[in-house]
């Protein structure tokens, strides 16, 4: 991974903690000062309290979504660039994000090459990253990947409990988050199974049950492999 050296202060907003940590680790490796936010309201508060050179903004978050947060920032006169990140990034979606005030759009799972290429267009360059820092970054990213894998057995149990409790909206949110984070961390089978389970929520209960069981088996297989 080629990590450029960039200058600036960046706000990273994503409601999935592991994704947020991964993005923040990459940006810090590039020499950027990073502040994190977990939802749109935290974004508005952070931007009101401090200056940022760029906002990296997930479009689907609780409390206040990214589109609404971007619109509100622009309404308040916010001038710094906003990069939208979203699993929904077809032509119509990209147009909506740009109309809300976003300068660029990155599709999830976020590719680090595309991320740094986009940041390089919007932030000034700085001195090259020292080798020691690059090594530390690799170790940090490896730790984030490991923590994600370690969380999967508990996640499997939580998904099953949520389904059995009949909390459909909560389950839909959890499946959407898992779909994106699993893809980011290289678990394509889990991402596909989560997407199938998410789609099955509009089908018969038996189909949803089967899709969830397939997902849970995939989650548990990661730690037993």
Protein backbone atom coordinates (compact mmCIF):
# COMPACT_ATOMS: atom_id res chain seq x y z
CA UNK A 1 0.00 0.00 0.00
CA UNK A 2 1.40 3.37 -1.05
CA UNK A 3 0.50 5.99 1.55
CA UNK A 4 1.10 9.61 0.52
CA UNK A 5 1.93 12.35 2.98
CA UNK A 6 -0.87 14.92 3.26
CA UNK A 7 -1.53 17.96 5.43
CA UNK A 8 -4.76 18.94 7.10
CA UNK A 9 -7.42 18.22 9.69
CA UNK A 10 -10.12 15.73 8.68
CA UNK A 11 -13.44 14.72 10.23
CA UNK A 12 -14.27 11.03 9.61
CA UNK A 13 -17.94 10.12 10.07
CA UNK A 14 -19.25 6.54 9.96
CA UNK A 15 -21.62 4.77 12.35
CA UNK A 16 -19.73 1.45 12.07
CA UNK A 17 -16.87 1.63 14.57
CA UNK A 18 -14.52 -0.79 12.78
CA UNK A 19 -14.93 1.05 9.47
CA UNK A 20 -14.35 4.39 11.19
CA UNK A 21 -11.21 3.07 12.90
CA UNK A 22 -9.86 1.70 9.61
CA UNK A 23 -10.41 4.99 7.79
CA UNK A 24 -8.93 7.00 10.65
CA UNK A 25 -5.84 4.78 10.79
CA UNK A 26 -5.21 5.26 7.07
CA UNK A 27 -5.60 9.03 7.30
CA UNK A 28 -3.35 9.32 10.33
CA UNK A 29 -0.71 7.27 8.47
CA UNK A 30 -0.80 9.96 5.79
CA UNK A 31 0.00 12.58 8.44
CA UNK A 32 -3.51 13.96 8.78
CA UNK A 33 -5.07 15.05 12.07
CA UNK A 34 -8.27 13.03 12.44
CA UNK A 35 -11.43 13.55 14.51
CA UNK A 36 -14.13 10.88 14.49
CA UNK A 37 -17.94 11.11 14.50
CA UNK A 38 -20.54 8.33 14.67
CA UNK A 39 -23.58 10.06 13.19
CA UNK A 40 -24.77 13.20 11.41
CA UNK A 41 -25.53 15.13 14.58
CA UNK A 42 -22.01 14.56 15.85
CA UNK A 43 -20.76 15.85 12.49
CA UNK A 44 -22.70 19.10 12.86
CA UNK A 45 -21.49 19.56 16.43
CA UNK A 46 -17.86 18.86 15.52
CA UNK A 47 -17.96 21.25 12.57
CA UNK A 48 -19.53 23.96 14.71
CA UNK A 49 -16.84 23.56 17.38
CA UNK A 50 -13.75 23.19 15.21
CA UNK A 51 -12.22 23.85 11.81
CA UNK A 52 -11.64 21.00 9.36
CA UNK A 53 -10.02 20.95 5.95
CA UNK A 54 -12.21 18.06 4.78
CA UNK A 55 -15.11 15.88 5.91
CA UNK A 56 -15.26 12.18 4.99
CA UNK A 57 -18.97 11.47 5.39
CA UNK A 58 -20.88 8.18 5.36
CA UNK A 59 -24.25 8.70 3.70
CA UNK A 60 -26.23 6.20 5.82
CA UNK A 61 -26.04 6.89 9.54
CA UNK A 62 -28.52 6.99 12.43
CA UNK A 63 -29.88 10.14 14.07
CA UNK A 64 -29.06 12.25 11.01
CA UNK A 65 -27.92 10.73 7.72
CA UNK A 66 -25.00 11.95 5.65
CA UNK A 67 -27.09 13.65 2.97
CA UNK A 68 -28.96 15.70 5.56
CA UNK A 69 -25.72 16.53 7.37
CA UNK A 70 -24.07 17.68 4.13
CA UNK A 71 -27.05 19.86 3.23
CA UNK A 72 -27.06 21.44 6.67
CA UNK A 73 -23.32 22.12 6.56
CA UNK A 74 -23.67 23.88 3.22
CA UNK A 75 -26.70 25.82 4.51
CA UNK A 76 -24.53 27.05 7.37
CA UNK A 77 -21.92 28.24 4.89
CA UNK A 78 -19.44 25.38 5.27
CA UNK A 79 -16.82 25.75 2.52
CA UNK A 80 -14.45 22.80 3.05
CA UNK A 81 -14.69 19.74 0.77
CA UNK A 82 -17.04 16.89 1.68
CA UNK A 83 -16.39 13.36 0.38
CA UNK A 84 -19.42 11.06 0.44
CA UNK A 85 -18.86 7.37 1.16
CA UNK A 86 -21.68 4.92 0.49
CA UNK A 87 -22.50 1.39 -0.58
CA UNK A 88 -25.17 2.98 -2.78
CA UNK A 89 -23.16 4.74 -5.45
CA UNK A 90 -24.91 4.36 -8.79
CA UNK A 91 -25.39 7.37 -11.08
CA UNK A 92 -28.61 8.56 -9.43
CA UNK A 93 -27.14 8.23 -5.93
CA UNK A 94 -23.99 10.13 -6.88
CA UNK A 95 -26.14 12.92 -8.29
CA UNK A 96 -28.10 13.16 -5.01
CA UNK A 97 -24.90 13.35 -2.97
CA UNK A 98 -23.47 16.07 -5.18
CA UNK A 99 -26.71 18.04 -5.03
CA UNK A 100 -26.49 17.83 -1.23
CA UNK A 101 -23.09 19.52 -1.39
CA UNK A 102 -20.56 16.67 -1.64
CA UNK A 103 -17.49 17.33 -3.78
CA UNK A 104 -16.65 13.67 -4.45
CA UNK A 105 -18.07 10.19 -3.88
CA UNK A 106 -16.32 6.97 -2.86
CA UNK A 107 -18.13 3.64 -3.11
CA UNK A 108 -18.05 1.19 -0.22
CA UNK A 109 -16.07 -0.88 0.41
CA UNK A 110 -13.66 2.04 0.20
CA UNK A 111 -10.53 1.24 -1.82
CA UNK A 112 -7.44 2.79 -0.22
CA UNK A 113 -5.95 3.73 -3.62
CA UNK A 114 -9.12 5.57 -4.62
CA UNK A 115 -9.30 7.17 -1.17
CA UNK A 116 -5.80 8.63 -1.34
CA UNK A 117 -6.21 9.67 -4.97
CA UNK A 118 -9.31 11.66 -4.04
CA UNK A 119 -7.73 13.14 -0.92
CA UNK A 120 -4.70 14.16 -2.99
CA UNK A 121 -6.93 16.30 -5.18
CA UNK A 122 -8.45 18.10 -2.20
CA UNK A 123 -5.64 18.42 0.36
CA UNK A 124 -2.07 19.74 0.12
CA UNK A 125 0.90 17.37 0.06
CA UNK A 126 3.44 17.20 2.90
CA UNK A 127 6.79 15.49 3.52
CA UNK A 128 7.00 11.71 2.82
CA UNK A 129 5.83 9.36 5.56
CA UNK A 130 8.73 7.88 7.61
CA UNK A 131 9.23 4.11 7.24
CA UNK A 132 8.65 3.58 10.98
CA UNK A 133 5.22 5.18 10.69
CA UNK A 134 4.34 3.01 7.68
CA UNK A 135 5.22 -0.13 9.66
CA UNK A 136 3.14 1.06 12.61
CA UNK A 137 0.22 1.68 10.25
CA UNK A 138 0.38 -1.87 8.90
CA UNK A 139 0.31 -3.20 12.46
CA UNK A 140 -2.61 -0.92 13.35
CA UNK A 141 -4.64 -1.99 10.31
CA UNK A 142 -3.89 -5.65 11.00
CA UNK A 143 -5.17 -5.16 14.54
CA UNK A 144 -8.41 -3.63 13.26
CA UNK A 145 -8.92 -6.57 10.90
CA UNK A 146 -8.31 -9.00 13.76
CA UNK A 147 -10.77 -7.22 16.05
CA UNK A 148 -13.42 -7.38 13.35
CA UNK A 149 -12.91 -11.13 12.95
CA UNK A 150 -12.98 -11.61 16.74
CA UNK A 151 -16.34 -9.81 16.93
CA UNK A 152 -18.11 -12.16 14.51
CA UNK A 153 -19.26 -14.93 16.90
CA UNK A 154 -20.98 -12.42 19.18
CA UNK A 155 -22.47 -10.71 16.15
CA UNK A 156 -23.94 -14.01 14.97
CA UNK A 157 -25.67 -14.48 18.31
CA UNK A 158 -26.94 -10.89 18.32
CA UNK A 159 -28.42 -11.24 14.84
CA UNK A 160 -30.28 -14.37 15.85
CA UNK A 161 -31.65 -12.74 19.01
CA UNK A 162 -32.75 -9.67 17.07
CA UNK A 163 -34.60 -11.83 14.55
CA UNK A 164 -36.28 -13.88 17.27
CA UNK A 165 -37.37 -10.66 19.02
CA UNK A 166 -39.09 -9.49 15.85
CA UNK A 167 -37.05 -6.27 15.66
CA UNK A 168 -37.07 -6.00 11.87
CA UNK A 169 -35.75 -2.44 11.57
CA UNK A 170 -32.89 -3.13 13.96
CA UNK A 171 -32.04 -6.30 12.04
CA UNK A 172 -32.10 -4.46 8.71
CA UNK A 173 -29.67 -1.86 10.05
CA UNK A 174 -27.33 -4.53 11.44
CA UNK A 175 -27.33 -6.47 8.17
CA UNK A 176 -26.62 -3.35 6.12
CA UNK A 177 -23.68 -2.45 8.36
CA UNK A 178 -22.31 -5.98 8.23
CA UNK A 179 -22.59 -6.09 4.43
CA UNK A 180 -20.34 -3.06 4.08
CA UNK A 181 -17.84 -3.79 6.85
CA UNK A 182 -17.36 -7.43 5.82
CA UNK A 183 -16.57 -6.35 2.27
CA UNK A 184 -14.10 -3.76 3.56
CA UNK A 185 -12.23 -6.34 5.64
CA UNK A 186 -12.05 -8.90 2.85
CA UNK A 187 -14.85 -11.27 3.90
CA UNK A 188 -16.69 -11.43 0.57
CA UNK A 189 -18.73 -14.51 1.52
CA UNK A 190 -20.06 -12.84 4.66
CA UNK A 191 -20.82 -9.63 2.78
CA UNK A 192 -22.79 -11.57 0.15
CA UNK A 193 -24.64 -13.55 2.83
CA UNK A 194 -25.52 -10.34 4.70
CA UNK A 195 -26.81 -8.79 1.47
CA UNK A 196 -28.95 -11.87 0.81
CA UNK A 197 -30.34 -11.77 4.34
CA UNK A 198 -31.09 -8.06 3.99
CA UNK A 199 -33.01 -8.70 0.76
CA UNK A 200 -34.89 -11.60 2.36
CA UNK A 201 -36.50 -9.30 4.93
CA UNK A 202 -39.14 -8.49 2.32
CA UNK A 203 -39.81 -12.19 1.67
CA UNK A 204 -41.61 -14.89 3.64
CA UNK A 205 -40.35 -15.51 7.21
CA UNK A 206 -39.10 -18.97 6.27
CA UNK A 207 -36.88 -17.47 3.56
CA UNK A 208 -35.52 -14.88 5.99
CA UNK A 209 -34.82 -17.59 8.56
CA UNK A 210 -32.90 -19.64 5.99
CA UNK A 211 -30.87 -16.62 4.84
CA UNK A 212 -30.01 -15.70 8.42
CA UNK A 213 -28.93 -19.23 9.24
CA UNK A 214 -26.64 -19.23 6.19
CA UNK A 215 -25.16 -15.92 7.33
CA UNK A 216 -24.68 -17.12 10.90
CA UNK A 217 -22.90 -20.24 9.65
CA UNK A 218 -20.57 -18.05 7.57
CA UNK A 219 -19.85 -15.81 10.57
CA UNK A 220 -19.02 -18.73 12.83
CA UNK A 221 -16.85 -20.37 10.17
CA UNK A 222 -14.42 -17.43 10.22
CA UNK A 223 -13.27 -18.15 13.75
CA UNK A 224 -13.27 -21.93 13.35
CA UNK A 225 -11.24 -21.82 10.11
